[in-house]
Amino acid sequence: MLKATKIDVEPIYEDIDNALGMIVYEDITSPINIPPYDRSAVDGYAVCSDAVTSASPSNPIPLILKDRANEINCSEATPVSTGDRLPLGADAVVMVEDTYTDNIRKVVYVTRSVSKYFNVSRAGEDIRHGDIIAERGRLLRPWHIAAIAAIGLRKIKLFKPIRVGVITIGSEIRDSAEGIKVYEEGGVIDVTSKLILASLKEYRFITSKWYGIVPDDAGKIAEILRQSLMENDIVITSGGTGPGNYDVTFNA
């Protein structure tokens, strides 16, 4: 029903911590690549892959060990941790367990060959600049929130929650708080409004208000309808719409 209903809903800016389950007002696009640069996917040593093509346990390749360097050449290696930016000149990472070091000589021996970009997370591998993270009309799920946080956004434009009013109509309808005596007195317990309200509360992009049980009186129904229509975007009535003499909602 909500999908088939067109309503002019104002936008709001909301913190992403409060955006789960809300509806996106305009496309959210990434202004950057994620990762923003080539980075190491493991703890190890950044190397030039061409320098270690013949490396093996029986043929370890020695490389000059540079301490946390921002740039290396193909005769050098530098230690990196998971997530570190790949130094200039390096195009692969050898895991620590595939090396051994001579700290006196400042040399690291590589015992395994690696290909270009081995153990490297490439820039834009997860999200590329210009990618749509969530399009207009998208219901935000946990993974959307994480992706939005990753691209550095804190507040986003969302649809203001839709206001829905619910009215129960029928002189025979009684509230469940009265218990089973309702049946003994020939009444009917209000179940439908409980179902509607509970269903609406499942969605964070909806706020709901129950206007109580209104008897089969066209004047009273009209009064509640006027009030609810002023306060809500949608009003749902339950009961009083059949062809019977006491079903007066249509006349109201």
C-alpha atoms as a PDB file:
ATOM      1  CA  MET A   1       0.000   0.000   0.000  1.00  0.00           C
ATOM      2  CA  LEU A   2       2.794   2.393   0.938  1.00  0.00           C
ATOM      3  CA  LYS A   3       4.584   1.681  -2.345  1.00  0.00           C
ATOM      4  CA  ALA A   4       1.439   2.565  -4.288  1.00  0.00           C
ATOM      5  CA  THR A   5       0.912   5.812  -2.365  1.00  0.00           C
ATOM      6  CA  LYS A   6       2.597   8.973  -3.579  1.00  0.00           C
ATOM      7  CA  ILE A   7       3.324  11.459  -0.818  1.00  0.00           C
ATOM      8  CA  ASP A   8       5.428  14.605  -0.773  1.00  0.00           C
ATOM      9  CA  VAL A   9       7.812  13.907   2.104  1.00  0.00           C
ATOM     10  CA  GLU A  10      10.369  16.468   3.226  1.00  0.00           C
ATOM     11  CA  PRO A  11      14.061  15.545   3.458  1.00  0.00           C
ATOM     12  CA  ILE A  12      16.014  15.565   6.705  1.00  0.00           C
ATOM     13  CA  TYR A  13      19.718  15.344   7.457  1.00  0.00           C
ATOM     14  CA  GLU A  14      20.481  12.515   9.849  1.00  0.00           C
ATOM     15  CA  ASP A  15      23.615  11.129  11.472  1.00  0.00           C
ATOM     16  CA  ILE A  16      24.510   7.712  10.062  1.00  0.00           C
ATOM     17  CA  ASP A  17      24.305   6.259  13.591  1.00  0.00           C
ATOM     18  CA  ASN A  18      20.560   6.933  13.451  1.00  0.00           C
ATOM     19  CA  ALA A  19      20.011   6.150   9.755  1.00  0.00           C
ATOM     20  CA  LEU A  20      19.530   2.374   9.846  1.00  0.00           C
ATOM     21  CA  GLY A  21      16.142   1.428   8.381  1.00  0.00           C
ATOM     22  CA  MET A  22      15.544   4.893   6.942  1.00  0.00           C
ATOM     23  CA  ILE A  23      15.021   5.763   3.244  1.00  0.00           C
ATOM     24  CA  VAL A  24      17.666   7.552   1.170  1.00  0.00           C
ATOM     25  CA  TYR A  25      16.467  10.886  -0.277  1.00  0.00           C
ATOM     26  CA  GLU A  26      19.163  11.305  -2.917  1.00  0.00           C
ATOM     27  CA  ASP A  27      21.872   9.071  -4.358  1.00  0.00           C
ATOM     28  CA  ILE A  28      24.875   8.695  -2.074  1.00  0.00           C
ATOM     29  CA  THR A  29      28.016   8.509  -4.218  1.00  0.00           C
ATOM     30  CA  SER A  30      31.610   7.968  -3.180  1.00  0.00           C
ATOM     31  CA  PRO A  31      33.936  10.980  -3.505  1.00  0.00           C
ATOM     32  CA  ILE A  32      37.004   8.732  -3.168  1.00  0.00           C
ATOM     33  CA  ASN A  33      38.415   5.294  -3.857  1.00  0.00           C
ATOM     34  CA  ILE A  34      38.326   2.727  -1.053  1.00  0.00           C
ATOM     35  CA  PRO A  35      41.047   1.801  -0.316  1.00  0.00           C
ATOM     36  CA  PRO A  36      42.252   5.310  -1.219  1.00  0.00           C
ATOM     37  CA  TYR A  37      45.680   3.907  -2.135  1.00  0.00           C
ATOM     38  CA  ASP A  38      47.397   0.547  -2.698  1.00  0.00           C
ATOM     39  CA  ARG A  39      47.923  -1.000   0.736  1.00  0.00           C
ATOM     40  CA  SER A  40      49.302  -4.126   2.301  1.00  0.00           C
ATOM     41  CA  ALA A  41      46.816  -6.925   2.971  1.00  0.00           C
ATOM     42  CA  VAL A  42      49.177  -8.730   5.393  1.00  0.00           C
ATOM     43  CA  ASP A  43      52.039  -8.167   7.804  1.00  0.00           C
ATOM     44  CA  GLY A  44      55.319  -8.646   5.972  1.00  0.00           C
ATOM     45  CA  TYR A  45      57.813  -6.914   3.709  1.00  0.00           C
ATOM     46  CA  ALA A  46      57.068  -4.674   0.740  1.00  0.00           C
ATOM     47  CA  VAL A  47      59.190  -5.681  -2.232  1.00  0.00           C
ATOM     48  CA  CYS A  48      59.586  -5.319  -5.979  1.00  0.00           C
ATOM     49  CA  SER A  49      58.117  -8.553  -7.380  1.00  0.00           C
ATOM     50  CA  ASP A  50      60.661  -8.698 -10.203  1.00  0.00           C
ATOM     51  CA  ALA A  51      63.475  -8.934  -7.627  1.00  0.00           C
ATOM     52  CA  VAL A  52      62.173 -12.151  -6.064  1.00  0.00           C
ATOM     53  CA  THR A  53      60.937 -14.149  -9.067  1.00  0.00           C
ATOM     54  CA  SER A  54      63.449 -16.925  -8.367  1.00  0.00           C
ATOM     55  CA  ALA A  55      63.099 -16.930  -4.560  1.00  0.00           C
ATOM     56  CA  SER A  56      62.551 -20.260  -2.821  1.00  0.00           C
ATOM     57  CA  PRO A  57      63.559 -21.960   0.434  1.00  0.00           C
ATOM     58  CA  SER A  58      66.594 -23.379  -1.361  1.00  0.00           C
ATOM     59  CA  ASN A  59      67.347 -20.094  -3.101  1.00  0.00           C
ATOM     60  CA  PRO A  60      66.636 -17.224  -0.687  1.00  0.00           C
ATOM     61  CA  ILE A  61      66.946 -13.765  -2.245  1.00  0.00           C
ATOM     62  CA  PRO A  62      68.710 -11.180  -0.042  1.00  0.00           C
ATOM     63  CA  LEU A  63      67.331  -7.646  -0.003  1.00  0.00           C
ATOM     64  CA  ILE A  64      68.619  -4.603   1.861  1.00  0.00           C
ATOM     65  CA  LEU A  65      66.339  -4.002   4.834  1.00  0.00           C
ATOM     66  CA  LYS A  66      65.072  -0.437   5.102  1.00  0.00           C
ATOM     67  CA  ASP A  67      63.208   0.497   8.269  1.00  0.00           C
ATOM     68  CA  ARG A  68      59.642   1.662   7.478  1.00  0.00           C
ATOM     69  CA  ALA A  69      60.592   3.431   4.273  1.00  0.00           C
ATOM     70  CA  ASN A  70      58.157   5.379   2.082  1.00  0.00           C
ATOM     71  CA  GLU A  71      60.057   4.378  -1.040  1.00  0.00           C
ATOM     72  CA  ILE A  72      62.286   1.473  -2.058  1.00  0.00           C
ATOM     73  CA  ASN A  73      64.163   0.243  -5.109  1.00  0.00           C
ATOM     74  CA  CYS A  74      64.303  -3.338  -6.374  1.00  0.00           C
ATOM     75  CA  SER A  75      67.315  -4.217  -4.209  1.00  0.00           C
ATOM     76  CA  GLU A  76      65.453  -3.249  -1.029  1.00  0.00           C
ATOM     77  CA  ALA A  77      62.576  -4.312   1.191  1.00  0.00           C
ATOM     78  CA  THR A  78      60.770  -2.563   4.017  1.00  0.00           C
ATOM     79  CA  PRO A  79      58.472  -3.907   6.749  1.00  0.00           C
ATOM     80  CA  VAL A  80      54.731  -3.165   6.457  1.00  0.00           C
ATOM     81  CA  SER A  81      51.712  -3.963   8.588  1.00  0.00           C
ATOM     82  CA  THR A  82      48.229  -4.861   7.389  1.00  0.00           C
ATOM     83  CA  GLY A  83      46.588  -1.712   6.018  1.00  0.00           C
ATOM     84  CA  ASP A  84      49.820   0.241   5.521  1.00  0.00           C
ATOM     85  CA  ARG A  85      50.228   2.241   2.333  1.00  0.00           C
ATOM     86  CA  LEU A  86      52.415   0.405  -0.158  1.00  0.00           C
ATOM     87  CA  PRO A  87      55.746   2.257  -0.481  1.00  0.00           C
ATOM     88  CA  LEU A  88      56.715   3.742  -3.831  1.00  0.00           C
ATOM     89  CA  GLY A  89      58.713   1.260  -5.871  1.00  0.00           C
ATOM     90  CA  ALA A  90      57.051  -1.748  -4.241  1.00  0.00           C
ATOM     91  CA  ASP A  91      54.358  -3.770  -5.988  1.00  0.00           C
ATOM     92  CA  ALA A  92      53.952  -6.808  -3.727  1.00  0.00           C
ATOM     93  CA  VAL A  93      54.191  -7.940  -0.123  1.00  0.00           C
ATOM     94  CA  VAL A  94      55.934 -11.060   1.143  1.00  0.00           C
ATOM     95  CA  MET A  95      54.521 -12.471   4.370  1.00  0.00           C
ATOM     96  CA  VAL A  96      56.801 -12.551   7.416  1.00  0.00           C
ATOM     97  CA  GLU A  97      56.748 -16.377   7.497  1.00  0.00           C
ATOM     98  CA  ASP A  98      58.268 -16.438   3.992  1.00  0.00           C
ATOM     99  CA  THR A  99      61.329 -14.492   5.123  1.00  0.00           C
ATOM    100  CA  TYR A 100      64.152 -14.471   7.654  1.00  0.00           C
ATOM    101  CA  THR A 101      66.384 -11.597   8.619  1.00  0.00           C
ATOM    102  CA  ASP A 102      70.013 -10.899   9.389  1.00  0.00           C
ATOM    103  CA  ASN A 103      69.734  -7.896  11.676  1.00  0.00           C
ATOM    104  CA  ILE A 104      73.494  -7.448  11.898  1.00  0.00           C
ATOM    105  CA  ARG A 105      73.878  -7.127   8.137  1.00  0.00           C
ATOM    106  CA  LYS A 106      70.469  -5.406   7.781  1.00  0.00           C
ATOM    107  CA  VAL A 107      69.336  -7.934   5.207  1.00  0.00           C
ATOM    108  CA  VAL A 108      66.026  -9.765   4.789  1.00  0.00           C
ATOM    109  CA  TYR A 109      66.015 -13.054   2.903  1.00  0.00           C
ATOM    110  CA  VAL A 110      62.914 -13.835   0.834  1.00  0.00           C
ATOM    111  CA  THR A 111      62.185 -17.561   0.459  1.00  0.00           C
ATOM    112  CA  ARG A 112      59.164 -17.338  -1.808  1.00  0.00           C
ATOM    113  CA  SER A 113      58.484 -15.748  -5.173  1.00  0.00           C
ATOM    114  CA  VAL A 114      55.498 -13.397  -5.466  1.00  0.00           C
ATOM    115  CA  SER A 115      53.667 -11.917  -8.420  1.00  0.00           C
ATOM    116  CA  LYS A 116      52.794  -8.272  -8.972  1.00  0.00           C
ATOM    117  CA  TYR A 117      50.229  -7.004  -6.434  1.00  0.00           C
ATOM    118  CA  PHE A 118      50.460 -10.206  -4.390  1.00  0.00           C
ATOM    119  CA  ASN A 119      49.061  -9.498  -0.886  1.00  0.00           C
ATOM    120  CA  VAL A 120      48.126  -5.979  -1.988  1.00  0.00           C
ATOM    121  CA  SER A 121      44.686  -4.375  -1.743  1.00  0.00           C
ATOM    122  CA  ARG A 122      44.455  -2.130  -4.790  1.00  0.00           C
ATOM    123  CA  ALA A 123      43.137   1.432  -4.637  1.00  0.00           C
ATOM    124  CA  GLY A 124      39.390   1.379  -5.394  1.00  0.00           C
ATOM    125  CA  GLU A 125      39.191  -2.380  -4.931  1.00  0.00           C
ATOM    126  CA  ASP A 126      36.232  -2.107  -2.537  1.00  0.00           C
ATOM    127  CA  ILE A 127      34.619   1.142  -3.701  1.00  0.00           C
ATOM    128  CA  ARG A 128      35.551   3.263  -6.710  1.00  0.00           C
ATOM    129  CA  HIS A 129      35.272   7.030  -6.954  1.00  0.00           C
ATOM    130  CA  GLY A 130      31.763   7.822  -8.230  1.00  0.00           C
ATOM    131  CA  ASP A 131      30.219   4.488  -7.197  1.00  0.00           C
ATOM    132  CA  ILE A 132      26.663   4.755  -5.862  1.00  0.00           C
ATOM    133  CA  ILE A 133      26.649   3.473  -2.286  1.00  0.00           C
ATOM    134  CA  ALA A 134      22.875   3.784  -1.906  1.00  0.00           C
ATOM    135  CA  GLU A 135      20.434   5.141  -4.469  1.00  0.00           C
ATOM    136  CA  ARG A 136      17.399   7.349  -3.822  1.00  0.00           C
ATOM    137  CA  GLY A 137      14.607   5.275  -2.298  1.00  0.00           C
ATOM    138  CA  ARG A 138      16.942   2.633  -0.864  1.00  0.00           C
ATOM    139  CA  LEU A 139      16.193   1.234   2.595  1.00  0.00           C
ATOM    140  CA  LEU A 140      19.443   1.541   4.524  1.00  0.00           C
ATOM    141  CA  ARG A 141      20.864  -1.733   5.863  1.00  0.00           C
ATOM    142  CA  PRO A 142      23.918  -2.255   8.106  1.00  0.00           C
ATOM    143  CA  TRP A 143      26.314  -2.720   5.170  1.00  0.00           C
ATOM    144  CA  HIS A 144      25.188   0.601   3.684  1.00  0.00           C
ATOM    145  CA  ILE A 145      25.997   2.361   6.968  1.00  0.00           C
ATOM    146  CA  ALA A 146      29.482   0.805   7.009  1.00  0.00           C
ATOM    147  CA  ALA A 147      30.166   1.829   3.403  1.00  0.00           C
ATOM    148  CA  ILE A 148      28.934   5.383   4.017  1.00  0.00           C
ATOM    149  CA  ALA A 149      31.230   5.644   7.039  1.00  0.00           C
ATOM    150  CA  ALA A 150      34.140   4.360   4.914  1.00  0.00           C
ATOM    151  CA  ILE A 151      33.758   7.225   2.411  1.00  0.00           C
ATOM    152  CA  GLY A 152      33.903   9.771   5.218  1.00  0.00           C
ATOM    153  CA  LEU A 153      30.275  10.891   5.422  1.00  0.00           C
ATOM    154  CA  ARG A 154      28.630  11.486   8.789  1.00  0.00           C
ATOM    155  CA  LYS A 155      25.305  13.140   7.964  1.00  0.00           C
ATOM    156  CA  ILE A 156      23.175  12.077   5.003  1.00  0.00           C
ATOM    157  CA  LYS A 157      19.942  13.233   3.381  1.00  0.00           C
ATOM    158  CA  LEU A 158      16.969  10.986   4.153  1.00  0.00           C
ATOM    159  CA  PHE A 159      13.216  11.063   3.749  1.00  0.00           C
ATOM    160  CA  LYS A 160      11.482  12.346   6.849  1.00  0.00           C
ATOM    161  CA  PRO A 161       9.532   9.463   8.438  1.00  0.00           C
ATOM    162  CA  ILE A 162       6.045   8.988   6.989  1.00  0.00           C
ATOM    163  CA  ARG A 163       3.296   9.745   9.527  1.00  0.00           C
ATOM    164  CA  VAL A 164       0.516   7.164   9.587  1.00  0.00           C
ATOM    165  CA  GLY A 165      -2.678   7.444  11.624  1.00  0.00           C
ATOM    166  CA  VAL A 166      -4.799   4.407  12.481  1.00  0.00           C
ATOM    167  CA  ILE A 167      -8.489   4.602  13.443  1.00  0.00           C
ATOM    168  CA  THR A 168     -10.584   1.671  14.645  1.00  0.00           C
ATOM    169  CA  ILE A 169     -14.296   2.051  13.838  1.00  0.00           C
ATOM    170  CA  GLY A 170     -17.212   0.041  15.179  1.00  0.00           C
ATOM    171  CA  SER A 171     -19.517   0.221  18.174  1.00  0.00           C
ATOM    172  CA  GLU A 172     -19.027  -3.509  18.773  1.00  0.00           C
ATOM    173  CA  ILE A 173     -15.225  -3.206  18.898  1.00  0.00           C
ATOM    174  CA  ARG A 174     -13.628  -3.253  22.345  1.00  0.00           C
ATOM    175  CA  ASP A 175     -10.043  -2.925  23.540  1.00  0.00           C
ATOM    176  CA  SER A 176      -8.168  -6.092  24.467  1.00  0.00           C
ATOM    177  CA  ALA A 177      -7.482  -4.587  27.898  1.00  0.00           C
ATOM    178  CA  GLU A 178     -11.063  -5.500  28.816  1.00  0.00           C
ATOM    179  CA  GLY A 179     -10.212  -9.192  28.520  1.00  0.00           C
ATOM    180  CA  ILE A 180     -12.400 -12.121  27.493  1.00  0.00           C
ATOM    181  CA  LYS A 181     -15.489 -10.621  29.067  1.00  0.00           C
ATOM    182  CA  VAL A 182     -15.817  -8.740  25.764  1.00  0.00           C
ATOM    183  CA  TYR A 183     -16.943 -11.995  24.136  1.00  0.00           C
ATOM    184  CA  GLU A 184     -19.368 -12.753  26.940  1.00  0.00           C
ATOM    185  CA  GLU A 185     -21.000  -9.386  26.305  1.00  0.00           C
ATOM    186  CA  GLY A 186     -21.260  -9.979  22.544  1.00  0.00           C
ATOM    187  CA  GLY A 187     -18.429  -7.679  21.564  1.00  0.00           C
ATOM    188  CA  VAL A 188     -15.362  -8.095  19.395  1.00  0.00           C
ATOM    189  CA  ILE A 189     -11.805  -7.523  20.593  1.00  0.00           C
ATOM    190  CA  ASP A 190      -9.848  -5.066  18.481  1.00  0.00           C
ATOM    191  CA  VAL A 191      -7.254  -7.228  16.764  1.00  0.00           C
ATOM    192  CA  THR A 192      -6.893  -5.487  13.409  1.00  0.00           C
ATOM    193  CA  SER A 193      -5.459  -2.240  14.739  1.00  0.00           C
ATOM    194  CA  LYS A 194      -2.926  -4.203  16.807  1.00  0.00           C
ATOM    195  CA  LEU A 195      -1.817  -5.981  13.652  1.00  0.00           C
ATOM    196  CA  ILE A 196      -1.590  -2.751  11.649  1.00  0.00           C
ATOM    197  CA  LEU A 197       0.271  -0.813  14.349  1.00  0.00           C
ATOM    198  CA  ALA A 198       2.695  -3.651  15.052  1.00  0.00           C
ATOM    199  CA  SER A 199       3.390  -3.995  11.336  1.00  0.00           C
ATOM    200  CA  LEU A 200       4.066  -0.264  10.998  1.00  0.00           C
ATOM    201  CA  LYS A 201       6.439  -0.281  13.981  1.00  0.00           C
ATOM    202  CA  GLU A 202       8.668  -2.745  12.148  1.00  0.00           C
ATOM    203  CA  TYR A 203       9.786   0.130   9.920  1.00  0.00           C
ATOM    204  CA  ARG A 204      11.912   3.016  11.173  1.00  0.00           C
ATOM    205  CA  PHE A 205      10.828   5.212   8.267  1.00  0.00           C
ATOM    206  CA  ILE A 206       7.256   5.234   9.616  1.00  0.00           C
ATOM    207  CA  THR A 207       5.814   6.855  12.717  1.00  0.00           C
ATOM    208  CA  SER A 208       2.336   5.791  13.748  1.00  0.00           C
ATOM    209  CA  LYS A 209      -0.451   7.052  15.976  1.00  0.00           C
ATOM    210  CA  TRP A 210      -3.590   5.227  17.060  1.00  0.00           C
ATOM    211  CA  TYR A 211      -6.716   7.346  17.455  1.00  0.00           C
ATOM    212  CA  GLY A 212      -8.617   4.780  19.462  1.00  0.00           C
ATOM    213  CA  ILE A 213     -11.950   3.090  18.857  1.00  0.00           C
ATOM    214  CA  VAL A 214     -14.678   5.277  17.370  1.00  0.00           C
ATOM    215  CA  PRO A 215     -18.353   4.171  17.517  1.00  0.00           C
ATOM    216  CA  ASP A 216     -20.582   3.911  14.440  1.00  0.00           C
ATOM    217  CA  ASP A 217     -21.432   7.593  14.497  1.00  0.00           C
ATOM    218  CA  ALA A 218     -20.808   9.525  11.268  1.00  0.00           C
ATOM    219  CA  GLY A 219     -20.277  12.814  13.105  1.00  0.00           C
ATOM    220  CA  LYS A 220     -17.697  11.406  15.519  1.00  0.00           C
ATOM    221  CA  ILE A 221     -15.947   9.535  12.724  1.00  0.00           C
ATOM    222  CA  ALA A 222     -15.765  12.696  10.617  1.00  0.00           C
ATOM    223  CA  GLU A 223     -14.284  14.635  13.544  1.00  0.00           C
ATOM    224  CA  ILE A 224     -11.533  12.053  14.142  1.00  0.00           C
ATOM    225  CA  LEU A 225     -10.863  11.786  10.407  1.00  0.00           C
ATOM    226  CA  ARG A 226     -10.383  15.555  10.108  1.00  0.00           C
ATOM    227  CA  GLN A 227      -7.982  15.596  13.057  1.00  0.00           C
ATOM    228  CA  SER A 228      -5.993  12.597  11.845  1.00  0.00           C
ATOM    229  CA  LEU A 229      -5.728  13.887   8.269  1.00  0.00           C
ATOM    230  CA  MET A 230      -4.252  17.154   9.553  1.00  0.00           C
ATOM    231  CA  GLU A 231      -1.661  15.292  11.624  1.00  0.00           C
ATOM    232  CA  ASN A 232      -0.611  12.506   9.236  1.00  0.00           C
ATOM    233  CA  ASP A 233       0.462  11.747   5.698  1.00  0.00           C
ATOM    234  CA  ILE A 234      -1.670   8.590   5.559  1.00  0.00           C
ATOM    235  CA  VAL A 235      -4.718   7.544   7.569  1.00  0.00           C
ATOM    236  CA  ILE A 236      -5.831   3.923   7.804  1.00  0.00           C
ATOM    237  CA  THR A 237      -9.356   3.148   9.000  1.00  0.00           C
ATOM    238  CA  SER A 238     -10.330  -0.301  10.198  1.00  0.00           C
ATOM    239  CA  GLY A 239     -14.002  -1.221  10.182  1.00  0.00           C
ATOM    240  CA  GLY A 240     -17.226   0.476   9.253  1.00  0.00           C
ATOM    241  CA  THR A 241     -16.806   0.256   5.479  1.00  0.00           C
ATOM    242  CA  GLY A 242     -19.137  -2.618   4.626  1.00  0.00           C
ATOM    243  CA  PRO A 243     -22.632  -2.442   3.112  1.00  0.00           C
ATOM    244  CA  GLY A 244     -24.438  -2.781   6.457  1.00  0.00           C
ATOM    245  CA  ASN A 245     -26.682  -0.124   7.959  1.00  0.00           C
ATOM    246  CA  TYR A 246     -24.176   0.508  10.752  1.00  0.00           C
ATOM    247  CA  ASP A 247     -21.158   0.834   8.473  1.00  0.00           C
ATOM    248  CA  VAL A 248     -21.104   4.622   8.247  1.00  0.00           C
ATOM    249  CA  THR A 249     -17.430   5.421   7.556  1.00  0.00           C
ATOM    250  CA  PHE A 250     -18.098   6.194   3.897  1.00  0.00           C
ATOM    251  CA  ASN A 251     -20.800   8.716   4.826  1.00  0.00           C
ATOM    252  CA  ALA A 252     -18.454  10.393   7.302  1.00  0.00           C
END
